[in-house]
Amino acid sequence: MLPAMFIILVASAILGYRIISAVPPLLHTPLMSGMNALSGITVIGAIAVFTTAPAGARSIAAIALVLASINVFGGFWVTERMLRMFKGKKHETGGEELPWS
């Protein structure tokens, strides 16, 4: 069972890398925002598993919940940083955004 799971992990990592590298940079920000919303479903699933897990599996469910939360909050943080990069610079004296800057 463990070798099969490892093969699936490696294959999905390779496939994910190939798919993401084929996406044009212009589409990265909108796609990241959409994936962050879908990752929120993972957090809800992790909460459901944590609340229904038997006592012996609660620690694993808690780790899954923490990792899913880090994924969502980190994704929104990176998306926000990327969006800030595309905003126009403000003129130093007027404080208004210039269309040519």
PDB file of N, CA and C in Angstrom:
ATOM      1  N   MET A   1       0.812  -1.191   0.000  1.00  0.00           N
ATOM      2  CA  MET A   1       0.000   0.000   0.000  1.00  0.00           C
ATOM      3  C   MET A   1       0.863   1.267   0.000  1.00  0.00           C
ATOM      4  N   LEU A   2       1.921   1.280   0.814  1.00  0.00           N
ATOM      5  CA  LEU A   2       2.775   2.452   0.904  1.00  0.00           C
ATOM      6  C   LEU A   2       3.499   2.756  -0.413  1.00  0.00           C
ATOM      7  N   PRO A   3       4.061   1.755  -1.124  1.00  0.00           N
ATOM      8  CA  PRO A   3       4.697   2.077  -2.410  1.00  0.00           C
ATOM      9  C   PRO A   3       3.705   2.659  -3.422  1.00  0.00           C
ATOM     10  N   ALA A   4       2.478   2.173  -3.431  1.00  0.00           N
ATOM     11  CA  ALA A   4       1.480   2.705  -4.356  1.00  0.00           C
ATOM     12  C   ALA A   4       1.152   4.153  -4.013  1.00  0.00           C
ATOM     13  N   MET A   5       1.049   4.465  -2.733  1.00  0.00           N
ATOM     14  CA  MET A   5       0.770   5.844  -2.324  1.00  0.00           C
ATOM     15  C   MET A   5       1.932   6.769  -2.688  1.00  0.00           C
ATOM     16  N   PHE A   6       3.155   6.276  -2.535  1.00  0.00           N
ATOM     17  CA  PHE A   6       4.324   7.073  -2.891  1.00  0.00           C
ATOM     18  C   PHE A   6       4.367   7.338  -4.394  1.00  0.00           C
ATOM     19  N   ILE A   7       4.039   6.324  -5.192  1.00  0.00           N
ATOM     20  CA  ILE A   7       4.014   6.494  -6.648  1.00  0.00           C
ATOM     21  C   ILE A   7       2.956   7.522  -7.036  1.00  0.00           C
ATOM     22  N   ILE A   8       1.792   7.490  -6.400  1.00  0.00           N
ATOM     23  CA  ILE A   8       0.748   8.477  -6.681  1.00  0.00           C
ATOM     24  C   ILE A   8       1.211   9.872  -6.299  1.00  0.00           C
ATOM     25  N   LEU A   9       1.889  10.006  -5.167  1.00  0.00           N
ATOM     26  CA  LEU A   9       2.407  11.306  -4.735  1.00  0.00           C
ATOM     27  C   LEU A   9       3.407  11.858  -5.744  1.00  0.00           C
ATOM     28  N   VAL A  10       4.348  11.046  -6.172  1.00  0.00           N
ATOM     29  CA  VAL A  10       5.369  11.500  -7.120  1.00  0.00           C
ATOM     30  C   VAL A  10       4.737  11.840  -8.469  1.00  0.00           C
ATOM     31  N   ALA A  11       3.833  10.998  -8.939  1.00  0.00           N
ATOM     32  CA  ALA A  11       3.176  11.256 -10.224  1.00  0.00           C
ATOM     33  C   ALA A  11       2.347  12.532 -10.179  1.00  0.00           C
ATOM     34  N   SER A  12       1.636  12.767  -9.086  1.00  0.00           N
ATOM     35  CA  SER A  12       0.835  13.984  -8.990  1.00  0.00           C
ATOM     36  C   SER A  12       1.714  15.220  -8.873  1.00  0.00           C
ATOM     37  N   ALA A  13       2.859  15.118  -8.211  1.00  0.00           N
ATOM     38  CA  ALA A  13       3.778  16.251  -8.128  1.00  0.00           C
ATOM     39  C   ALA A  13       4.338  16.599  -9.505  1.00  0.00           C
ATOM     40  N   ILE A  14       4.723  15.601 -10.260  1.00  0.00           N
ATOM     41  CA  ILE A  14       5.250  15.838 -11.614  1.00  0.00           C
ATOM     42  C   ILE A  14       4.172  16.421 -12.512  1.00  0.00           C
ATOM     43  N   LEU A  15       2.987  15.852 -12.461  1.00  0.00           N
ATOM     44  CA  LEU A  15       1.884  16.344 -13.285  1.00  0.00           C
ATOM     45  C   LEU A  15       1.507  17.770 -12.901  1.00  0.00           C
ATOM     46  N   GLY A  16       1.439  18.057 -11.620  1.00  0.00           N
ATOM     47  CA  GLY A  16       1.124  19.408 -11.168  1.00  0.00           C
ATOM     48  C   GLY A  16       2.165  20.418 -11.620  1.00  0.00           C
ATOM     49  N   TYR A  17       3.429  20.059 -11.542  1.00  0.00           N
ATOM     50  CA  TYR A  17       4.493  20.952 -12.002  1.00  0.00           C
ATOM     51  C   TYR A  17       4.373  21.222 -13.496  1.00  0.00           C
ATOM     52  N   ARG A  18       4.099  20.192 -14.269  1.00  0.00           N
ATOM     53  CA  ARG A  18       3.961  20.354 -15.723  1.00  0.00           C
ATOM     54  C   ARG A  18       2.769  21.237 -16.076  1.00  0.00           C
ATOM     55  N   ILE A  19       1.673  21.074 -15.378  1.00  0.00           N
ATOM     56  CA  ILE A  19       0.485  21.878 -15.665  1.00  0.00           C
ATOM     57  C   ILE A  19       0.709  23.335 -15.289  1.00  0.00           C
ATOM     58  N   ILE A  20       1.254  23.582 -14.099  1.00  0.00           N
ATOM     59  CA  ILE A  20       1.475  24.957 -13.647  1.00  0.00           C
ATOM     60  C   ILE A  20       2.509  25.667 -14.512  1.00  0.00           C
ATOM     61  N   SER A  21       3.531  24.974 -14.955  1.00  0.00           N
ATOM     62  CA  SER A  21       4.547  25.620 -15.788  1.00  0.00           C
ATOM     63  C   SER A  21       4.008  25.981 -17.166  1.00  0.00           C
ATOM     64  N   ALA A  22       2.899  25.384 -17.592  1.00  0.00           N
ATOM     65  CA  ALA A  22       2.314  25.697 -18.900  1.00  0.00           C
ATOM     66  C   ALA A  22       1.360  26.892 -18.838  1.00  0.00           C
ATOM     67  N   VAL A  23       1.036  27.384 -17.644  1.00  0.00           N
ATOM     68  CA  VAL A  23       0.119  28.508 -17.504  1.00  0.00           C
ATOM     69  C   VAL A  23       0.882  29.812 -17.744  1.00  0.00           C
ATOM     70  N   PRO A  24       0.360  30.691 -18.613  1.00  0.00           N
ATOM     71  CA  PRO A  24       1.037  31.973 -18.838  1.00  0.00           C
ATOM     72  C   PRO A  24       1.039  32.815 -17.559  1.00  0.00           C
ATOM     73  N   PRO A  25       2.097  33.612 -17.338  1.00  0.00           N
ATOM     74  CA  PRO A  25       2.188  34.418 -16.110  1.00  0.00           C
ATOM     75  C   PRO A  25       1.011  35.368 -15.911  1.00  0.00           C
ATOM     76  N   LEU A  26       0.380  35.820 -16.988  1.00  0.00           N
ATOM     77  CA  LEU A  26      -0.737  36.746 -16.872  1.00  0.00           C
ATOM     78  C   LEU A  26      -1.928  36.112 -16.152  1.00  0.00           C
ATOM     79  N   LEU A  27      -2.059  34.794 -16.216  1.00  0.00           N
ATOM     80  CA  LEU A  27      -3.190  34.111 -15.617  1.00  0.00           C
ATOM     81  C   LEU A  27      -2.917  33.595 -14.200  1.00  0.00           C
ATOM     82  N   HIS A  28      -1.696  33.741 -13.703  1.00  0.00           N
ATOM     83  CA  HIS A  28      -1.367  33.175 -12.391  1.00  0.00           C
ATOM     84  C   HIS A  28      -2.212  33.760 -11.272  1.00  0.00           C
ATOM     85  N   THR A  29      -2.390  35.094 -11.250  1.00  0.00           N
ATOM     86  CA  THR A  29      -3.131  35.712 -10.151  1.00  0.00           C
ATOM     87  C   THR A  29      -4.593  35.281 -10.130  1.00  0.00           C
ATOM     88  N   PRO A  30      -5.334  35.338 -11.262  1.00  0.00           N
ATOM     89  CA  PRO A  30      -6.729  34.877 -11.197  1.00  0.00           C
ATOM     90  C   PRO A  30      -6.851  33.397 -10.860  1.00  0.00           C
ATOM     91  N   LEU A  31      -5.947  32.582 -11.358  1.00  0.00           N
ATOM     92  CA  LEU A  31      -6.015  31.161 -11.044  1.00  0.00           C
ATOM     93  C   LEU A  31      -5.707  30.896  -9.577  1.00  0.00           C
ATOM     94  N   MET A  32      -4.761  31.646  -9.022  1.00  0.00           N
ATOM     95  CA  MET A  32      -4.447  31.474  -7.602  1.00  0.00           C
ATOM     96  C   MET A  32      -5.634  31.853  -6.734  1.00  0.00           C
ATOM     97  N   SER A  33      -6.341  32.914  -7.109  1.00  0.00           N
ATOM     98  CA  SER A  33      -7.506  33.319  -6.319  1.00  0.00           C
ATOM     99  C   SER A  33      -8.577  32.239  -6.361  1.00  0.00           C
ATOM    100  N   GLY A  34      -8.797  31.667  -7.521  1.00  0.00           N
ATOM    101  CA  GLY A  34      -9.776  30.585  -7.631  1.00  0.00           C
ATOM    102  C   GLY A  34      -9.366  29.358  -6.837  1.00  0.00           C
ATOM    103  N   MET A  35      -8.099  29.014  -6.882  1.00  0.00           N
ATOM    104  CA  MET A  35      -7.626  27.849  -6.134  1.00  0.00           C
ATOM    105  C   MET A  35      -7.677  28.100  -4.627  1.00  0.00           C
ATOM    106  N   ASN A  36      -7.483  29.343  -4.210  1.00  0.00           N
ATOM    107  CA  ASN A  36      -7.604  29.647  -2.783  1.00  0.00           C
ATOM    108  C   ASN A  36      -9.034  29.424  -2.308  1.00  0.00           C
ATOM    109  N   ALA A  37      -9.988  29.781  -3.145  1.00  0.00           N
ATOM    110  CA  ALA A  37     -11.386  29.545  -2.776  1.00  0.00           C
ATOM    111  C   ALA A  37     -11.666  28.048  -2.681  1.00  0.00           C
ATOM    112  N   LEU A  38     -11.115  27.268  -3.608  1.00  0.00           N
ATOM    113  CA  LEU A  38     -11.300  25.816  -3.545  1.00  0.00           C
ATOM    114  C   LEU A  38     -10.568  25.213  -2.349  1.00  0.00           C
ATOM    115  N   SER A  39      -9.441  25.793  -1.979  1.00  0.00           N
ATOM    116  CA  SER A  39      -8.716  25.291  -0.813  1.00  0.00           C
ATOM    117  C   SER A  39      -9.498  25.529   0.468  1.00  0.00           C
ATOM    118  N   GLY A  40     -10.370  26.516   0.465  1.00  0.00           N
ATOM    119  CA  GLY A  40     -11.235  26.738   1.621  1.00  0.00           C
ATOM    120  C   GLY A  40     -12.126  25.534   1.883  1.00  0.00           C
ATOM    121  N   ILE A  41     -12.511  24.833   0.821  1.00  0.00           N
ATOM    122  CA  ILE A  41     -13.298  23.616   0.974  1.00  0.00           C
ATOM    123  C   ILE A  41     -12.477  22.552   1.695  1.00  0.00           C
ATOM    124  N   THR A  42     -11.182  22.528   1.438  1.00  0.00           N
ATOM    125  CA  THR A  42     -10.304  21.595   2.138  1.00  0.00           C
ATOM    126  C   THR A  42     -10.295  21.871   3.636  1.00  0.00           C
ATOM    127  N   VAL A  43     -10.300  23.153   4.008  1.00  0.00           N
ATOM    128  CA  VAL A  43     -10.339  23.509   5.432  1.00  0.00           C
ATOM    129  C   VAL A  43     -11.646  23.023   6.058  1.00  0.00           C
ATOM    130  N   ILE A  44     -12.746  23.213   5.350  1.00  0.00           N
ATOM    131  CA  ILE A  44     -14.032  22.747   5.873  1.00  0.00           C
ATOM    132  C   ILE A  44     -14.023  21.224   6.028  1.00  0.00           C
ATOM    133  N   GLY A  45     -13.467  20.519   5.050  1.00  0.00           N
ATOM    134  CA  GLY A  45     -13.349  19.063   5.156  1.00  0.00           C
ATOM    135  C   GLY A  45     -12.456  18.645   6.309  1.00  0.00           C
ATOM    136  N   ALA A  46     -11.363  19.366   6.520  1.00  0.00           N
ATOM    137  CA  ALA A  46     -10.464  19.047   7.634  1.00  0.00           C
ATOM    138  C   ALA A  46     -11.147  19.281   8.972  1.00  0.00           C
ATOM    139  N   ILE A  47     -11.989  20.328   9.052  1.00  0.00           N
ATOM    140  CA  ILE A  47     -12.739  20.564  10.290  1.00  0.00           C
ATOM    141  C   ILE A  47     -13.722  19.424  10.534  1.00  0.00           C
ATOM    142  N   ALA A  48     -14.400  18.991   9.463  1.00  0.00           N
ATOM    143  CA  ALA A  48     -15.361  17.894   9.603  1.00  0.00           C
ATOM    144  C   ALA A  48     -14.676  16.609  10.040  1.00  0.00           C
ATOM    145  N   VAL A  49     -13.514  16.327   9.475  1.00  0.00           N
ATOM    146  CA  VAL A  49     -12.779  15.121   9.860  1.00  0.00           C
ATOM    147  C   VAL A  49     -12.291  15.237  11.301  1.00  0.00           C
ATOM    148  N   PHE A  50     -11.818  16.430  11.673  1.00  0.00           N
ATOM    149  CA  PHE A  50     -11.312  16.615  13.038  1.00  0.00           C
ATOM    150  C   PHE A  50     -12.411  16.400  14.079  1.00  0.00           C
ATOM    151  N   THR A  51     -13.606  16.899  13.779  1.00  0.00           N
ATOM    152  CA  THR A  51     -14.681  16.780  14.772  1.00  0.00           C
ATOM    153  C   THR A  51     -15.227  15.362  14.873  1.00  0.00           C
ATOM    154  N   THR A  52     -15.094  14.562  13.817  1.00  0.00           N
ATOM    155  CA  THR A  52     -15.644  13.201  13.846  1.00  0.00           C
ATOM    156  C   THR A  52     -14.583  12.125  14.011  1.00  0.00           C
ATOM    157  N   ALA A  53     -13.324  12.514  14.065  1.00  0.00           N
ATOM    158  CA  ALA A  53     -12.242  11.531  14.148  1.00  0.00           C
ATOM    159  C   ALA A  53     -12.212  10.869  15.519  1.00  0.00           C
ATOM    160  N   PRO A  54     -11.843   9.592  15.544  1.00  0.00           N
ATOM    161  CA  PRO A  54     -11.665   8.943  16.842  1.00  0.00           C
ATOM    162  C   PRO A  54     -10.468   9.559  17.583  1.00  0.00           C
ATOM    163  N   ALA A  55     -10.392   9.302  18.854  1.00  0.00           N
ATOM    164  CA  ALA A  55      -9.371   9.929  19.698  1.00  0.00           C
ATOM    165  C   ALA A  55      -7.948   9.685  19.188  1.00  0.00           C
ATOM    166  N   GLY A  56      -7.671   8.517  18.647  1.00  0.00           N
ATOM    167  CA  GLY A  56      -6.322   8.206  18.181  1.00  0.00           C
ATOM    168  C   GLY A  56      -5.924   8.949  16.917  1.00  0.00           C
ATOM    169  N   ALA A  57      -6.900   9.371  16.134  1.00  0.00           N
ATOM    170  CA  ALA A  57      -6.605  10.029  14.856  1.00  0.00           C
ATOM    171  C   ALA A  57      -6.765  11.537  14.919  1.00  0.00           C
ATOM    172  N   ARG A  58      -7.095  12.067  16.071  1.00  0.00           N
ATOM    173  CA  ARG A  58      -7.312  13.517  16.177  1.00  0.00           C
ATOM    174  C   ARG A  58      -6.048  14.321  15.918  1.00  0.00           C
ATOM    175  N   SER A  59      -4.904  13.804  16.301  1.00  0.00           N
ATOM    176  CA  SER A  59      -3.667  14.558  16.077  1.00  0.00           C
ATOM    177  C   SER A  59      -3.372  14.674  14.582  1.00  0.00           C
ATOM    178  N   ILE A  60      -3.605  13.607  13.840  1.00  0.00           N
ATOM    179  CA  ILE A  60      -3.393  13.665  12.384  1.00  0.00           C
ATOM    180  C   ILE A  60      -4.398  14.610  11.749  1.00  0.00           C
ATOM    181  N   ALA A  61      -5.647  14.574  12.208  1.00  0.00           N
ATOM    182  CA  ALA A  61      -6.670  15.483  11.688  1.00  0.00           C
ATOM    183  C   ALA A  61      -6.336  16.929  12.023  1.00  0.00           C
ATOM    184  N   ALA A  62      -5.772  17.168  13.204  1.00  0.00           N
ATOM    185  CA  ALA A  62      -5.375  18.527  13.584  1.00  0.00           C
ATOM    186  C   ALA A  62      -4.241  19.026  12.703  1.00  0.00           C
ATOM    187  N   ILE A  63      -3.296  18.161  12.386  1.00  0.00           N
ATOM    188  CA  ILE A  63      -2.198  18.542  11.487  1.00  0.00           C
ATOM    189  C   ILE A  63      -2.746  18.871  10.101  1.00  0.00           C
ATOM    190  N   ALA A  64      -3.701  18.074   9.626  1.00  0.00           N
ATOM    191  CA  ALA A  64      -4.318  18.346   8.324  1.00  0.00           C
ATOM    192  C   ALA A  64      -5.035  19.690   8.336  1.00  0.00           C
ATOM    193  N   LEU A  65      -5.703  19.999   9.427  1.00  0.00           N
ATOM    194  CA  LEU A  65      -6.405  21.276   9.547  1.00  0.00           C
ATOM    195  C   LEU A  65      -5.430  22.444   9.544  1.00  0.00           C
ATOM    196  N   VAL A  66      -4.331  22.325  10.264  1.00  0.00           N
ATOM    197  CA  VAL A  66      -3.332  23.398  10.297  1.00  0.00           C
ATOM    198  C   VAL A  66      -2.702  23.593   8.920  1.00  0.00           C
ATOM    199  N   LEU A  67      -2.340  22.505   8.260  1.00  0.00           N
ATOM    200  CA  LEU A  67      -1.719  22.624   6.938  1.00  0.00           C
ATOM    201  C   LEU A  67      -2.677  23.205   5.905  1.00  0.00           C
ATOM    202  N   ALA A  68      -3.940  22.802   5.944  1.00  0.00           N
ATOM    203  CA  ALA A  68      -4.923  23.361   5.013  1.00  0.00           C
ATOM    204  C   ALA A  68      -5.120  24.849   5.271  1.00  0.00           C
ATOM    205  N   SER A  69      -5.124  25.250   6.540  1.00  0.00           N
ATOM    206  CA  SER A  69      -5.276  26.673   6.867  1.00  0.00           C
ATOM    207  C   SER A  69      -4.069  27.481   6.394  1.00  0.00           C
ATOM    208  N   ILE A  70      -2.885  26.941   6.579  1.00  0.00           N
ATOM    209  CA  ILE A  70      -1.678  27.622   6.096  1.00  0.00           C
ATOM    210  C   ILE A  70      -1.732  27.774   4.584  1.00  0.00           C
ATOM    211  N   ASN A  71      -2.219  26.754   3.892  1.00  0.00           N
ATOM    212  CA  ASN A  71      -2.333  26.809   2.443  1.00  0.00           C
ATOM    213  C   ASN A  71      -3.269  27.935   2.011  1.00  0.00           C
ATOM    214  N   VAL A  72      -4.413  28.051   2.656  1.00  0.00           N
ATOM    215  CA  VAL A  72      -5.385  29.081   2.276  1.00  0.00           C
ATOM    216  C   VAL A  72      -4.861  30.478   2.593  1.00  0.00           C
ATOM    217  N   PHE A  73      -4.424  30.698   3.831  1.00  0.00           N
ATOM    218  CA  PHE A  73      -3.983  32.036   4.214  1.00  0.00           C
ATOM    219  C   PHE A  73      -2.709  32.446   3.469  1.00  0.00           C
ATOM    220  N   GLY A  74      -1.800  31.520   3.262  1.00  0.00           N
ATOM    221  CA  GLY A  74      -0.601  31.825   2.479  1.00  0.00           C
ATOM    222  C   GLY A  74      -0.929  32.136   1.030  1.00  0.00           C
ATOM    223  N   GLY A  75      -1.886  31.421   0.475  1.00  0.00           N
ATOM    224  CA  GLY A  75      -2.289  31.678  -0.911  1.00  0.00           C
ATOM    225  C   GLY A  75      -2.894  33.057  -1.078  1.00  0.00           C
ATOM    226  N   PHE A  76      -3.757  33.465  -0.149  1.00  0.00           N
ATOM    227  CA  PHE A  76      -4.335  34.808  -0.231  1.00  0.00           C
ATOM    228  C   PHE A  76      -3.279  35.877  -0.010  1.00  0.00           C
ATOM    229  N   TRP A  77      -2.302  35.612   0.844  1.00  0.00           N
ATOM    230  CA  TRP A  77      -1.222  36.573   1.072  1.00  0.00           C
ATOM    231  C   TRP A  77      -0.385  36.759  -0.195  1.00  0.00           C
ATOM    232  N   VAL A  78      -0.045  35.658  -0.863  1.00  0.00           N
ATOM    233  CA  VAL A  78       0.738  35.744  -2.100  1.00  0.00           C
ATOM    234  C   VAL A  78      -0.063  36.439  -3.194  1.00  0.00           C
ATOM    235  N   THR A  79      -1.354  36.136  -3.295  1.00  0.00           N
ATOM    236  CA  THR A  79      -2.204  36.787  -4.294  1.00  0.00           C
ATOM    237  C   THR A  79      -2.264  38.284  -4.052  1.00  0.00           C
ATOM    238  N   GLU A  80      -2.403  38.688  -2.798  1.00  0.00           N
ATOM    239  CA  GLU A  80      -2.452  40.111  -2.479  1.00  0.00           C
ATOM    240  C   GLU A  80      -1.137  40.802  -2.841  1.00  0.00           C
ATOM    241  N   ARG A  81      -0.029  40.143  -2.602  1.00  0.00           N
ATOM    242  CA  ARG A  81       1.278  40.714  -2.983  1.00  0.00           C
ATOM    243  C   ARG A  81       1.399  40.849  -4.491  1.00  0.00           C
ATOM    244  N   MET A  82       0.912  39.839  -5.223  1.00  0.00           N
ATOM    245  CA  MET A  82       0.974  39.914  -6.683  1.00  0.00           C
ATOM    246  C   MET A  82       0.104  41.047  -7.214  1.00  0.00           C
ATOM    247  N   LEU A  83      -1.068  41.236  -6.634  1.00  0.00           N
ATOM    248  CA  LEU A  83      -1.944  42.317  -7.075  1.00  0.00           C
ATOM    249  C   LEU A  83      -1.338  43.681  -6.782  1.00  0.00           C
ATOM    250  N   ARG A  84      -0.630  43.805  -5.658  1.00  0.00           N
ATOM    251  CA  ARG A  84       0.048  45.071  -5.350  1.00  0.00           C
ATOM    252  C   ARG A  84       1.121  45.384  -6.374  1.00  0.00           C
ATOM    253  N   MET A  85       1.755  44.358  -6.945  1.00  0.00           N
ATOM    254  CA  MET A  85       2.793  44.586  -7.943  1.00  0.00           C
ATOM    255  C   MET A  85       2.209  45.204  -9.209  1.00  0.00           C
ATOM    256  N   PHE A  86       0.942  44.927  -9.516  1.00  0.00           N
ATOM    257  CA  PHE A  86       0.337  45.416 -10.747  1.00  0.00           C
ATOM    258  C   PHE A  86      -0.340  46.772 -10.586  1.00  0.00           C
ATOM    259  N   LYS A  87      -0.454  47.274  -9.358  1.00  0.00           N
ATOM    260  CA  LYS A  87      -1.055  48.587  -9.164  1.00  0.00           C
ATOM    261  C   LYS A  87      -0.096  49.663  -9.652  1.00  0.00           C
ATOM    262  N   GLY A  88      -0.676  50.751 -10.133  1.00  0.00           N
ATOM    263  CA  GLY A  88       0.143  51.857 -10.607  1.00  0.00           C
ATOM    264  C   GLY A  88       0.785  52.601  -9.453  1.00  0.00           C
ATOM    265  N   LYS A  89       1.906  53.243  -9.756  1.00  0.00           N
ATOM    266  CA  LYS A  89       2.584  54.023  -8.728  1.00  0.00           C
ATOM    267  C   LYS A  89       1.890  55.374  -8.601  1.00  0.00           C
ATOM    268  N   LYS A  90       1.849  55.890  -7.378  1.00  0.00           N
ATOM    269  CA  LYS A  90       1.214  57.185  -7.139  1.00  0.00           C
ATOM    270  C   LYS A  90       2.256  58.286  -7.314  1.00  0.00           C
ATOM    271  N   HIS A  91       1.809  59.397  -7.850  1.00  0.00           N
ATOM    272  CA  HIS A  91       2.678  60.551  -8.023  1.00  0.00           C
ATOM    273  C   HIS A  91       3.050  61.078  -6.642  1.00  0.00           C
ATOM    274  N   GLU A  92       4.317  61.442  -6.428  1.00  0.00           N
ATOM    275  CA  GLU A  92       4.782  61.813  -5.091  1.00  0.00           C
ATOM    276  C   GLU A  92       4.152  63.102  -4.591  1.00  0.00           C
ATOM    277  N   THR A  93       3.878  64.081  -5.479  1.00  0.00           N
ATOM    278  CA  THR A  93       3.375  65.361  -5.000  1.00  0.00           C
ATOM    279  C   THR A  93       1.860  65.395  -4.899  1.00  0.00           C
ATOM    280  N   GLY A  94       1.161  64.835  -5.869  1.00  0.00           N
ATOM    281  CA  GLY A  94      -0.300  64.948  -5.881  1.00  0.00           C
ATOM    282  C   GLY A  94      -1.009  63.838  -5.153  1.00  0.00           C
ATOM    283  N   GLY A  95      -0.397  62.673  -5.023  1.00  0.00           N
ATOM    284  CA  GLY A  95      -1.051  61.559  -4.373  1.00  0.00           C
ATOM    285  C   GLY A  95      -2.090  60.875  -5.240  1.00  0.00           C
ATOM    286  N   GLU A  96      -2.229  61.286  -6.499  1.00  0.00           N
ATOM    287  CA  GLU A  96      -3.194  60.664  -7.381  1.00  0.00           C
ATOM    288  C   GLU A  96      -2.479  59.719  -8.342  1.00  0.00           C
ATOM    289  N   GLU A  97      -3.210  58.763  -8.834  1.00  0.00           N
ATOM    290  CA  GLU A  97      -2.612  57.776  -9.731  1.00  0.00           C
ATOM    291  C   GLU A  97      -2.577  58.356 -11.151  1.00  0.00           C
ATOM    292  N   LEU A  98      -1.423  58.304 -11.764  1.00  0.00           N
ATOM    293  CA  LEU A  98      -1.272  58.817 -13.119  1.00  0.00           C
ATOM    294  C   LEU A  98      -1.470  57.693 -14.124  1.00  0.00           C
ATOM    295  N   PRO A  99      -2.187  57.967 -15.216  1.00  0.00           N
ATOM    296  CA  PRO A  99      -2.462  56.885 -16.160  1.00  0.00           C
ATOM    297  C   PRO A  99      -1.217  56.384 -16.891  1.00  0.00           C
ATOM    298  N   TRP A 100      -0.179  57.168 -16.996  1.00  0.00           N
ATOM    299  CA  TRP A 100       1.009  56.764 -17.734  1.00  0.00           C
ATOM    300  C   TRP A 100       2.097  56.184 -16.844  1.00  0.00           C
ATOM    301  N   SER A 101       1.886  56.101 -15.546  1.00  0.00           N
ATOM    302  CA  SER A 101       2.937  55.578 -14.669  1.00  0.00           C
ATOM    303  C   SER A 101       2.728  54.118 -14.401  1.00  0.00           C
TER     304      SER A 101
END
